[in-house]
Amino acid sequence: MNPYQMNAYAMALKAVGEIIQDYDSDKMFPALGFGAKLPPDGQVSHEFPLNGNIENPYCTGIDGILEAYHESLKTVQLYGPTNFAPVVNHVAR
């Protein structure tokens, strides 16, 4: 993480989020991560809420998503290979 520049993931989130947030009246979006070891036990997860709240994974607007993304990078350990299927299936439900 560079405090002065967004990484490629953050730039993609911002680019897509700025467009899609205008199509949602409440601007509340579930933000899910994938491919990381989660605290406290380091269990690998391919579907976890970026805000850390499994009961309410929603973030307010693109700024809320980016904040949750940056905060999650401070606590999770990225891990691969990643499996996108759990997130895709969650969104499809």
PDB file of N, CA and C in Angstrom:
ATOM      1  N   MET A   1       0.839  -1.181   0.000  1.00  0.00           N
ATOM      2  CA  MET A   1       0.000   0.000   0.000  1.00  0.00           C
ATOM      3  C   MET A   1       0.880   1.239   0.000  1.00  0.00           C
ATOM      4  N   ASN A   2       0.549   2.142  -0.869  1.00  0.00           N
ATOM      5  CA  ASN A   2       1.252   3.407  -0.958  1.00  0.00           C
ATOM      6  C   ASN A   2       0.284   4.490  -0.483  1.00  0.00           C
ATOM      7  N   PRO A   3       0.641   5.233   0.568  1.00  0.00           N
ATOM      8  CA  PRO A   3      -0.295   6.256   1.071  1.00  0.00           C
ATOM      9  C   PRO A   3      -0.538   7.404   0.099  1.00  0.00           C
ATOM     10  N   TYR A   4       0.265   7.496  -0.962  1.00  0.00           N
ATOM     11  CA  TYR A   4       0.146   8.605  -1.904  1.00  0.00           C
ATOM     12  C   TYR A   4      -0.446   8.212  -3.251  1.00  0.00           C
ATOM     13  N   GLN A   5      -0.660   6.894  -3.445  1.00  0.00           N
ATOM     14  CA  GLN A   5      -1.137   6.434  -4.742  1.00  0.00           C
ATOM     15  C   GLN A   5      -1.991   5.184  -4.575  1.00  0.00           C
ATOM     16  N   MET A   6      -3.123   5.110  -5.297  1.00  0.00           N
ATOM     17  CA  MET A   6      -3.982   3.932  -5.224  1.00  0.00           C
ATOM     18  C   MET A   6      -3.363   2.788  -6.014  1.00  0.00           C
ATOM     19  N   ASN A   7      -3.534   1.559  -5.493  1.00  0.00           N
ATOM     20  CA  ASN A   7      -3.072   0.405  -6.250  1.00  0.00           C
ATOM     21  C   ASN A   7      -4.101   0.072  -7.325  1.00  0.00           C
ATOM     22  N   ALA A   8      -3.799  -0.941  -8.154  1.00  0.00           N
ATOM     23  CA  ALA A   8      -4.662  -1.284  -9.282  1.00  0.00           C
ATOM     24  C   ALA A   8      -6.054  -1.718  -8.825  1.00  0.00           C
ATOM     25  N   TYR A   9      -6.129  -2.450  -7.702  1.00  0.00           N
ATOM     26  CA  TYR A   9      -7.432  -2.892  -7.196  1.00  0.00           C
ATOM     27  C   TYR A   9      -8.279  -1.706  -6.752  1.00  0.00           C
ATOM     28  N   ALA A  10      -7.681  -0.781  -6.031  1.00  0.00           N
ATOM     29  CA  ALA A  10      -8.413   0.400  -5.572  1.00  0.00           C
ATOM     30  C   ALA A  10      -8.871   1.252  -6.756  1.00  0.00           C
ATOM     31  N   MET A  11      -8.016   1.375  -7.772  1.00  0.00           N
ATOM     32  CA  MET A  11      -8.406   2.146  -8.957  1.00  0.00           C
ATOM     33  C   MET A  11      -9.579   1.485  -9.674  1.00  0.00           C
ATOM     34  N   ALA A  12      -9.578   0.157  -9.757  1.00  0.00           N
ATOM     35  CA  ALA A  12     -10.685  -0.562 -10.397  1.00  0.00           C
ATOM     36  C   ALA A  12     -11.967  -0.409  -9.589  1.00  0.00           C
ATOM     37  N   LEU A  13     -11.868  -0.542  -8.257  1.00  0.00           N
ATOM     38  CA  LEU A  13     -13.033  -0.354  -7.399  1.00  0.00           C
ATOM     39  C   LEU A  13     -13.628   1.037  -7.590  1.00  0.00           C
ATOM     40  N   LYS A  14     -12.775   2.035  -7.608  1.00  0.00           N
ATOM     41  CA  LYS A  14     -13.238   3.418  -7.749  1.00  0.00           C
ATOM     42  C   LYS A  14     -13.872   3.650  -9.118  1.00  0.00           C
ATOM     43  N   ALA A  15     -13.235   3.159 -10.172  1.00  0.00           N
ATOM     44  CA  ALA A  15     -13.741   3.372 -11.531  1.00  0.00           C
ATOM     45  C   ALA A  15     -15.112   2.731 -11.717  1.00  0.00           C
ATOM     46  N   VAL A  16     -15.261   1.492 -11.294  1.00  0.00           N
ATOM     47  CA  VAL A  16     -16.539   0.797 -11.449  1.00  0.00           C
ATOM     48  C   VAL A  16     -17.565   1.347 -10.459  1.00  0.00           C
ATOM     49  N   GLY A  17     -17.129   1.545  -9.215  1.00  0.00           N
ATOM     50  CA  GLY A  17     -18.035   2.009  -8.171  1.00  0.00           C
ATOM     51  C   GLY A  17     -18.643   3.364  -8.447  1.00  0.00           C
ATOM     52  N   GLU A  18     -17.868   4.271  -8.999  1.00  0.00           N
ATOM     53  CA  GLU A  18     -18.397   5.603  -9.285  1.00  0.00           C
ATOM     54  C   GLU A  18     -19.517   5.557 -10.320  1.00  0.00           C
ATOM     55  N   ILE A  19     -19.482   4.548 -11.187  1.00  0.00           N
ATOM     56  CA  ILE A  19     -20.532   4.407 -12.188  1.00  0.00           C
ATOM     57  C   ILE A  19     -21.747   3.707 -11.602  1.00  0.00           C
ATOM     58  N   ILE A  20     -21.530   2.565 -10.937  1.00  0.00           N
ATOM     59  CA  ILE A  20     -22.687   1.784 -10.486  1.00  0.00           C
ATOM     60  C   ILE A  20     -23.408   2.392  -9.293  1.00  0.00           C
ATOM     61  N   GLN A  21     -22.709   3.197  -8.481  1.00  0.00           N
ATOM     62  CA  GLN A  21     -23.392   3.732  -7.293  1.00  0.00           C
ATOM     63  C   GLN A  21     -24.551   4.645  -7.665  1.00  0.00           C
ATOM     64  N   ASP A  22     -24.523   5.215  -8.851  1.00  0.00           N
ATOM     65  CA  ASP A  22     -25.624   6.087  -9.279  1.00  0.00           C
ATOM     66  C   ASP A  22     -26.893   5.307  -9.619  1.00  0.00           C
ATOM     67  N   TYR A  23     -26.791   3.992  -9.731  1.00  0.00           N
ATOM     68  CA  TYR A  23     -27.947   3.154 -10.049  1.00  0.00           C
ATOM     69  C   TYR A  23     -28.545   2.502  -8.807  1.00  0.00           C
ATOM     70  N   ASP A  24     -28.094   2.904  -7.647  1.00  0.00           N
ATOM     71  CA  ASP A  24     -28.596   2.342  -6.392  1.00  0.00           C
ATOM     72  C   ASP A  24     -29.054   3.487  -5.506  1.00  0.00           C
ATOM     73  N   SER A  25     -30.317   3.474  -5.135  1.00  0.00           N
ATOM     74  CA  SER A  25     -30.887   4.618  -4.416  1.00  0.00           C
ATOM     75  C   SER A  25     -30.311   4.810  -3.019  1.00  0.00           C
ATOM     76  N   ASP A  26     -30.002   3.720  -2.307  1.00  0.00           N
ATOM     77  CA  ASP A  26     -29.496   3.898  -0.936  1.00  0.00           C
ATOM     78  C   ASP A  26     -27.973   3.907  -0.846  1.00  0.00           C
ATOM     79  N   LYS A  27     -27.301   3.607  -1.948  1.00  0.00           N
ATOM     80  CA  LYS A  27     -25.829   3.639  -2.013  1.00  0.00           C
ATOM     81  C   LYS A  27     -25.167   2.698  -1.005  1.00  0.00           C
ATOM     82  N   MET A  28     -25.876   1.623  -0.642  1.00  0.00           N
ATOM     83  CA  MET A  28     -25.336   0.625   0.283  1.00  0.00           C
ATOM     84  C   MET A  28     -24.945  -0.622  -0.515  1.00  0.00           C
ATOM     85  N   PHE A  29     -23.671  -1.000  -0.423  1.00  0.00           N
ATOM     86  CA  PHE A  29     -23.160  -2.101  -1.224  1.00  0.00           C
ATOM     87  C   PHE A  29     -22.460  -3.135  -0.353  1.00  0.00           C
ATOM     88  N   PRO A  30     -22.790  -4.427  -0.550  1.00  0.00           N
ATOM     89  CA  PRO A  30     -22.022  -5.450   0.142  1.00  0.00           C
ATOM     90  C   PRO A  30     -20.648  -5.520  -0.521  1.00  0.00           C
ATOM     91  N   ALA A  31     -19.606  -5.427   0.257  1.00  0.00           N
ATOM     92  CA  ALA A  31     -18.242  -5.463  -0.277  1.00  0.00           C
ATOM     93  C   ALA A  31     -17.555  -6.716   0.257  1.00  0.00           C
ATOM     94  N   LEU A  32     -17.205  -7.608  -0.658  1.00  0.00           N
ATOM     95  CA  LEU A  32     -16.634  -8.888  -0.275  1.00  0.00           C
ATOM     96  C   LEU A  32     -15.209  -9.025  -0.788  1.00  0.00           C
ATOM     97  N   GLY A  33     -14.390  -9.621   0.044  1.00  0.00           N
ATOM     98  CA  GLY A  33     -13.027  -9.930  -0.340  1.00  0.00           C
ATOM     99  C   GLY A  33     -12.895 -11.415  -0.602  1.00  0.00           C
ATOM    100  N   PHE A  34     -11.758 -11.805  -1.160  1.00  0.00           N
ATOM    101  CA  PHE A  34     -11.527 -13.210  -1.465  1.00  0.00           C
ATOM    102  C   PHE A  34     -10.026 -13.474  -1.454  1.00  0.00           C
ATOM    103  N   GLY A  35      -9.674 -14.722  -1.140  1.00  0.00           N
ATOM    104  CA  GLY A  35      -8.273 -15.118  -1.197  1.00  0.00           C
ATOM    105  C   GLY A  35      -7.411 -14.493  -0.127  1.00  0.00           C
ATOM    106  N   ALA A  36      -7.751 -14.740   1.148  1.00  0.00           N
ATOM    107  CA  ALA A  36      -6.948 -14.185   2.238  1.00  0.00           C
ATOM    108  C   ALA A  36      -7.032 -15.081   3.471  1.00  0.00           C
ATOM    109  N   LYS A  37      -5.993 -14.987   4.285  1.00  0.00           N
ATOM    110  CA  LYS A  37      -6.010 -15.616   5.605  1.00  0.00           C
ATOM    111  C   LYS A  37      -6.548 -14.565   6.567  1.00  0.00           C
ATOM    112  N   LEU A  38      -7.583 -14.951   7.317  1.00  0.00           N
ATOM    113  CA  LEU A  38      -8.258 -13.994   8.193  1.00  0.00           C
ATOM    114  C   LEU A  38      -7.825 -14.166   9.641  1.00  0.00           C
ATOM    115  N   PRO A  39      -7.762 -13.043  10.360  1.00  0.00           N
ATOM    116  CA  PRO A  39      -7.490 -13.137  11.797  1.00  0.00           C
ATOM    117  C   PRO A  39      -8.708 -13.700  12.511  1.00  0.00           C
ATOM    118  N   PRO A  40      -8.610 -14.253  13.652  1.00  0.00           N
ATOM    119  CA  PRO A  40      -7.389 -14.360  14.444  1.00  0.00           C
ATOM    120  C   PRO A  40      -6.608 -15.642  14.184  1.00  0.00           C
ATOM    121  N   ASP A  41      -7.215 -16.630  13.496  1.00  0.00           N
ATOM    122  CA  ASP A  41      -6.568 -17.935  13.373  1.00  0.00           C
ATOM    123  C   ASP A  41      -5.901 -18.188  12.031  1.00  0.00           C
ATOM    124  N   GLY A  42      -5.972 -17.253  11.106  1.00  0.00           N
ATOM    125  CA  GLY A  42      -5.331 -17.414   9.808  1.00  0.00           C
ATOM    126  C   GLY A  42      -6.058 -18.359   8.868  1.00  0.00           C
ATOM    127  N   GLN A  43      -7.357 -18.586   9.114  1.00  0.00           N
ATOM    128  CA  GLN A  43      -8.137 -19.457   8.247  1.00  0.00           C
ATOM    129  C   GLN A  43      -8.286 -18.811   6.872  1.00  0.00           C
ATOM    130  N   VAL A  44      -8.062 -19.601   5.803  1.00  0.00           N
ATOM    131  CA  VAL A  44      -8.185 -19.101   4.441  1.00  0.00           C
ATOM    132  C   VAL A  44      -9.656 -18.938   4.095  1.00  0.00           C
ATOM    133  N   SER A  45      -9.989 -17.791   3.500  1.00  0.00           N
ATOM    134  CA  SER A  45     -11.362 -17.514   3.091  1.00  0.00           C
ATOM    135  C   SER A  45     -11.375 -16.992   1.662  1.00  0.00           C
ATOM    136  N   HIS A  46     -12.342 -17.468   0.892  1.00  0.00           N
ATOM    137  CA  HIS A  46     -12.548 -16.980  -0.467  1.00  0.00           C
ATOM    138  C   HIS A  46     -13.827 -16.161  -0.561  1.00  0.00           C
ATOM    139  N   GLU A  47     -14.371 -15.801   0.594  1.00  0.00           N
ATOM    140  CA  GLU A  47     -15.543 -14.916   0.659  1.00  0.00           C
ATOM    141  C   GLU A  47     -15.632 -14.348   2.073  1.00  0.00           C
ATOM    142  N   PHE A  48     -15.282 -13.092   2.222  1.00  0.00           N
ATOM    143  CA  PHE A  48     -15.358 -12.456   3.536  1.00  0.00           C
ATOM    144  C   PHE A  48     -15.736 -10.990   3.370  1.00  0.00           C
ATOM    145  N   PRO A  49     -16.442 -10.430   4.336  1.00  0.00           N
ATOM    146  CA  PRO A  49     -16.827  -9.015   4.252  1.00  0.00           C
ATOM    147  C   PRO A  49     -15.608  -8.123   4.467  1.00  0.00           C
ATOM    148  N   LEU A  50     -15.429  -7.173   3.590  1.00  0.00           N
ATOM    149  CA  LEU A  50     -14.283  -6.268   3.723  1.00  0.00           C
ATOM    150  C   LEU A  50     -14.352  -5.460   5.007  1.00  0.00           C
ATOM    151  N   ASN A  51     -15.563  -5.169   5.473  1.00  0.00           N
ATOM    152  CA  ASN A  51     -15.693  -4.377   6.699  1.00  0.00           C
ATOM    153  C   ASN A  51     -15.575  -5.231   7.961  1.00  0.00           C
ATOM    154  N   GLY A  52     -15.411  -6.554   7.780  1.00  0.00           N
ATOM    155  CA  GLY A  52     -15.251  -7.439   8.931  1.00  0.00           C
ATOM    156  C   GLY A  52     -16.541  -7.850   9.602  1.00  0.00           C
ATOM    157  N   ASN A  53     -17.677  -7.375   9.122  1.00  0.00           N
ATOM    158  CA  ASN A  53     -18.971  -7.657   9.751  1.00  0.00           C
ATOM    159  C   ASN A  53     -19.761  -8.650   8.898  1.00  0.00           C
ATOM    160  N   ILE A  54     -19.707  -9.921   9.276  1.00  0.00           N
ATOM    161  CA  ILE A  54     -20.369 -10.967   8.486  1.00  0.00           C
ATOM    162  C   ILE A  54     -21.888 -10.794   8.466  1.00  0.00           C
ATOM    163  N   GLU A  55     -22.449 -10.201   9.501  1.00  0.00           N
ATOM    164  CA  GLU A  55     -23.894  -9.979   9.571  1.00  0.00           C
ATOM    165  C   GLU A  55     -24.350  -8.794   8.714  1.00  0.00           C
ATOM    166  N   ASN A  56     -23.449  -7.841   8.488  1.00  0.00           N
ATOM    167  CA  ASN A  56     -23.794  -6.644   7.727  1.00  0.00           C
ATOM    168  C   ASN A  56     -22.576  -6.192   6.913  1.00  0.00           C
ATOM    169  N   PRO A  57     -22.356  -6.814   5.739  1.00  0.00           N
ATOM    170  CA  PRO A  57     -21.170  -6.502   4.943  1.00  0.00           C
ATOM    171  C   PRO A  57     -21.301  -5.235   4.099  1.00  0.00           C
ATOM    172  N   TYR A  58     -22.349  -4.453   4.349  1.00  0.00           N
ATOM    173  CA  TYR A  58     -22.634  -3.295   3.502  1.00  0.00           C
ATOM    174  C   TYR A  58     -21.748  -2.095   3.833  1.00  0.00           C
ATOM    175  N   CYS A  59     -21.354  -1.394   2.773  1.00  0.00           N
ATOM    176  CA  CYS A  59     -20.571  -0.162   2.891  1.00  0.00           C
ATOM    177  C   CYS A  59     -21.350   0.947   2.198  1.00  0.00           C
ATOM    178  N   THR A  60     -21.153   2.167   2.652  1.00  0.00           N
ATOM    179  CA  THR A  60     -21.858   3.311   2.081  1.00  0.00           C
ATOM    180  C   THR A  60     -21.050   3.918   0.938  1.00  0.00           C
ATOM    181  N   GLY A  61     -21.555   3.745  -0.271  1.00  0.00           N
ATOM    182  CA  GLY A  61     -20.933   4.333  -1.451  1.00  0.00           C
ATOM    183  C   GLY A  61     -19.535   3.820  -1.727  1.00  0.00           C
ATOM    184  N   ILE A  62     -18.962   4.345  -2.779  1.00  0.00           N
ATOM    185  CA  ILE A  62     -17.615   3.920  -3.171  1.00  0.00           C
ATOM    186  C   ILE A  62     -16.585   4.318  -2.128  1.00  0.00           C
ATOM    187  N   ASP A  63     -16.783   5.437  -1.460  1.00  0.00           N
ATOM    188  CA  ASP A  63     -15.833   5.835  -0.414  1.00  0.00           C
ATOM    189  C   ASP A  63     -15.837   4.835   0.739  1.00  0.00           C
ATOM    190  N   GLY A  64     -17.010   4.325   1.097  1.00  0.00           N
ATOM    191  CA  GLY A  64     -17.107   3.322   2.148  1.00  0.00           C
ATOM    192  C   GLY A  64     -16.456   2.010   1.748  1.00  0.00           C
ATOM    193  N   ILE A  65     -16.625   1.634   0.485  1.00  0.00           N
ATOM    194  CA  ILE A  65     -15.992   0.413  -0.017  1.00  0.00           C
ATOM    195  C   ILE A  65     -14.477   0.559   0.019  1.00  0.00           C
ATOM    196  N   LEU A  66     -13.971   1.684  -0.466  1.00  0.00           N
ATOM    197  CA  LEU A  66     -12.519   1.895  -0.474  1.00  0.00           C
ATOM    198  C   LEU A  66     -11.953   1.930   0.937  1.00  0.00           C
ATOM    199  N   GLU A  67     -12.674   2.533   1.862  1.00  0.00           N
ATOM    200  CA  GLU A  67     -12.223   2.561   3.257  1.00  0.00           C
ATOM    201  C   GLU A  67     -12.162   1.144   3.826  1.00  0.00           C
ATOM    202  N   ALA A  68     -13.206   0.349   3.589  1.00  0.00           N
ATOM    203  CA  ALA A  68     -13.229  -1.030   4.079  1.00  0.00           C
ATOM    204  C   ALA A  68     -12.112  -1.846   3.434  1.00  0.00           C
ATOM    205  N   TYR A  69     -11.873  -1.635   2.159  1.00  0.00           N
ATOM    206  CA  TYR A  69     -10.795  -2.336   1.448  1.00  0.00           C
ATOM    207  C   TYR A  69      -9.440  -2.015   2.084  1.00  0.00           C
ATOM    208  N   HIS A  70      -9.164  -0.731   2.284  1.00  0.00           N
ATOM    209  CA  HIS A  70      -7.871  -0.345   2.870  1.00  0.00           C
ATOM    210  C   HIS A  70      -7.716  -0.851   4.302  1.00  0.00           C
ATOM    211  N   GLU A  71      -8.795  -0.816   5.081  1.00  0.00           N
ATOM    212  CA  GLU A  71      -8.731  -1.323   6.453  1.00  0.00           C
ATOM    213  C   GLU A  71      -8.512  -2.830   6.476  1.00  0.00           C
ATOM    214  N   SER A  72      -9.154  -3.544   5.550  1.00  0.00           N
ATOM    215  CA  SER A  72      -8.985  -5.005   5.529  1.00  0.00           C
ATOM    216  C   SER A  72      -7.558  -5.392   5.182  1.00  0.00           C
ATOM    217  N   LEU A  73      -6.906  -4.606   4.338  1.00  0.00           N
ATOM    218  CA  LEU A  73      -5.516  -4.909   3.985  1.00  0.00           C
ATOM    219  C   LEU A  73      -4.579  -4.817   5.186  1.00  0.00           C
ATOM    220  N   LYS A  74      -5.002  -4.104   6.208  1.00  0.00           N
ATOM    221  CA  LYS A  74      -4.187  -3.988   7.426  1.00  0.00           C
ATOM    222  C   LYS A  74      -4.312  -5.221   8.321  1.00  0.00           C
ATOM    223  N   THR A  75      -5.390  -6.017   8.125  1.00  0.00           N
ATOM    224  CA  THR A  75      -5.635  -7.127   9.054  1.00  0.00           C
ATOM    225  C   THR A  75      -5.566  -8.508   8.414  1.00  0.00           C
ATOM    226  N   VAL A  76      -5.809  -8.611   7.107  1.00  0.00           N
ATOM    227  CA  VAL A  76      -5.781  -9.929   6.462  1.00  0.00           C
ATOM    228  C   VAL A  76      -4.429 -10.143   5.791  1.00  0.00           C
ATOM    229  N   GLN A  77      -4.114 -11.406   5.538  1.00  0.00           N
ATOM    230  CA  GLN A  77      -2.911 -11.755   4.789  1.00  0.00           C
ATOM    231  C   GLN A  77      -3.371 -12.317   3.450  1.00  0.00           C
ATOM    232  N   LEU A  78      -3.048 -11.635   2.359  1.00  0.00           N
ATOM    233  CA  LEU A  78      -3.480 -12.098   1.046  1.00  0.00           C
ATOM    234  C   LEU A  78      -2.922 -13.489   0.792  1.00  0.00           C
ATOM    235  N   TYR A  79      -3.731 -14.331   0.157  1.00  0.00           N
ATOM    236  CA  TYR A  79      -3.367 -15.732  -0.004  1.00  0.00           C
ATOM    237  C   TYR A  79      -3.963 -16.276  -1.293  1.00  0.00           C
ATOM    238  N   GLY A  80      -3.193 -17.046  -2.018  1.00  0.00           N
ATOM    239  CA  GLY A  80      -3.693 -17.632  -3.255  1.00  0.00           C
ATOM    240  C   GLY A  80      -3.341 -19.091  -3.341  1.00  0.00           C
ATOM    241  N   PRO A  81      -3.850 -19.782  -4.301  1.00  0.00           N
ATOM    242  CA  PRO A  81      -4.642 -19.223  -5.396  1.00  0.00           C
ATOM    243  C   PRO A  81      -6.041 -18.841  -4.932  1.00  0.00           C
ATOM    244  N   THR A  82      -6.604 -17.878  -5.611  1.00  0.00           N
ATOM    245  CA  THR A  82      -7.941 -17.414  -5.225  1.00  0.00           C
ATOM    246  C   THR A  82      -9.013 -18.206  -5.949  1.00  0.00           C
ATOM    247  N   ASN A  83     -10.147 -18.289  -5.322  1.00  0.00           N
ATOM    248  CA  ASN A  83     -11.309 -18.976  -5.866  1.00  0.00           C
ATOM    249  C   ASN A  83     -12.447 -17.959  -5.877  1.00  0.00           C
ATOM    250  N   PHE A  84     -12.847 -17.510  -7.056  1.00  0.00           N
ATOM    251  CA  PHE A  84     -13.875 -16.480  -7.183  1.00  0.00           C
ATOM    252  C   PHE A  84     -15.298 -17.015  -7.040  1.00  0.00           C
ATOM    253  N   ALA A  85     -15.468 -18.324  -7.164  1.00  0.00           N
ATOM    254  CA  ALA A  85     -16.808 -18.917  -7.169  1.00  0.00           C
ATOM    255  C   ALA A  85     -17.649 -18.542  -5.944  1.00  0.00           C
ATOM    256  N   PRO A  86     -17.117 -18.572  -4.708  1.00  0.00           N
ATOM    257  CA  PRO A  86     -17.961 -18.219  -3.561  1.00  0.00           C
ATOM    258  C   PRO A  86     -18.530 -16.797  -3.641  1.00  0.00           C
ATOM    259  N   VAL A  87     -17.731 -15.843  -4.098  1.00  0.00           N
ATOM    260  CA  VAL A  87     -18.213 -14.456  -4.204  1.00  0.00           C
ATOM    261  C   VAL A  87     -19.245 -14.346  -5.330  1.00  0.00           C
ATOM    262  N   VAL A  88     -18.975 -14.971  -6.457  1.00  0.00           N
ATOM    263  CA  VAL A  88     -19.907 -14.936  -7.581  1.00  0.00           C
ATOM    264  C   VAL A  88     -21.242 -15.566  -7.168  1.00  0.00           C
ATOM    265  N   ASN A  89     -21.189 -16.709  -6.491  1.00  0.00           N
ATOM    266  CA  ASN A  89     -22.419 -17.363  -6.036  1.00  0.00           C
ATOM    267  C   ASN A  89     -23.163 -16.519  -5.009  1.00  0.00           C
ATOM    268  N   HIS A  90     -22.437 -15.849  -4.119  1.00  0.00           N
ATOM    269  CA  HIS A  90     -23.064 -14.965  -3.123  1.00  0.00           C
ATOM    270  C   HIS A  90     -23.831 -13.843  -3.819  1.00  0.00           C
ATOM    271  N   VAL A  91     -23.189 -13.218  -4.782  1.00  0.00           N
ATOM    272  CA  VAL A  91     -23.812 -12.109  -5.492  1.00  0.00           C
ATOM    273  C   VAL A  91     -25.019 -12.610  -6.300  1.00  0.00           C
ATOM    274  N   ALA A  92     -24.907 -13.784  -6.884  1.00  0.00           N
ATOM    275  CA  ALA A  92     -26.012 -14.337  -7.663  1.00  0.00           C
ATOM    276  C   ALA A  92     -27.227 -14.624  -6.777  1.00  0.00           C
ATOM    277  N   ARG A  93     -26.978 -15.013  -5.512  1.00  0.00           N
ATOM    278  CA  ARG A  93     -28.096 -15.270  -4.587  1.00  0.00           C
ATOM    279  C   ARG A  93     -28.760 -13.969  -4.221  1.00  0.00           C
TER     280      ARG A  93
END
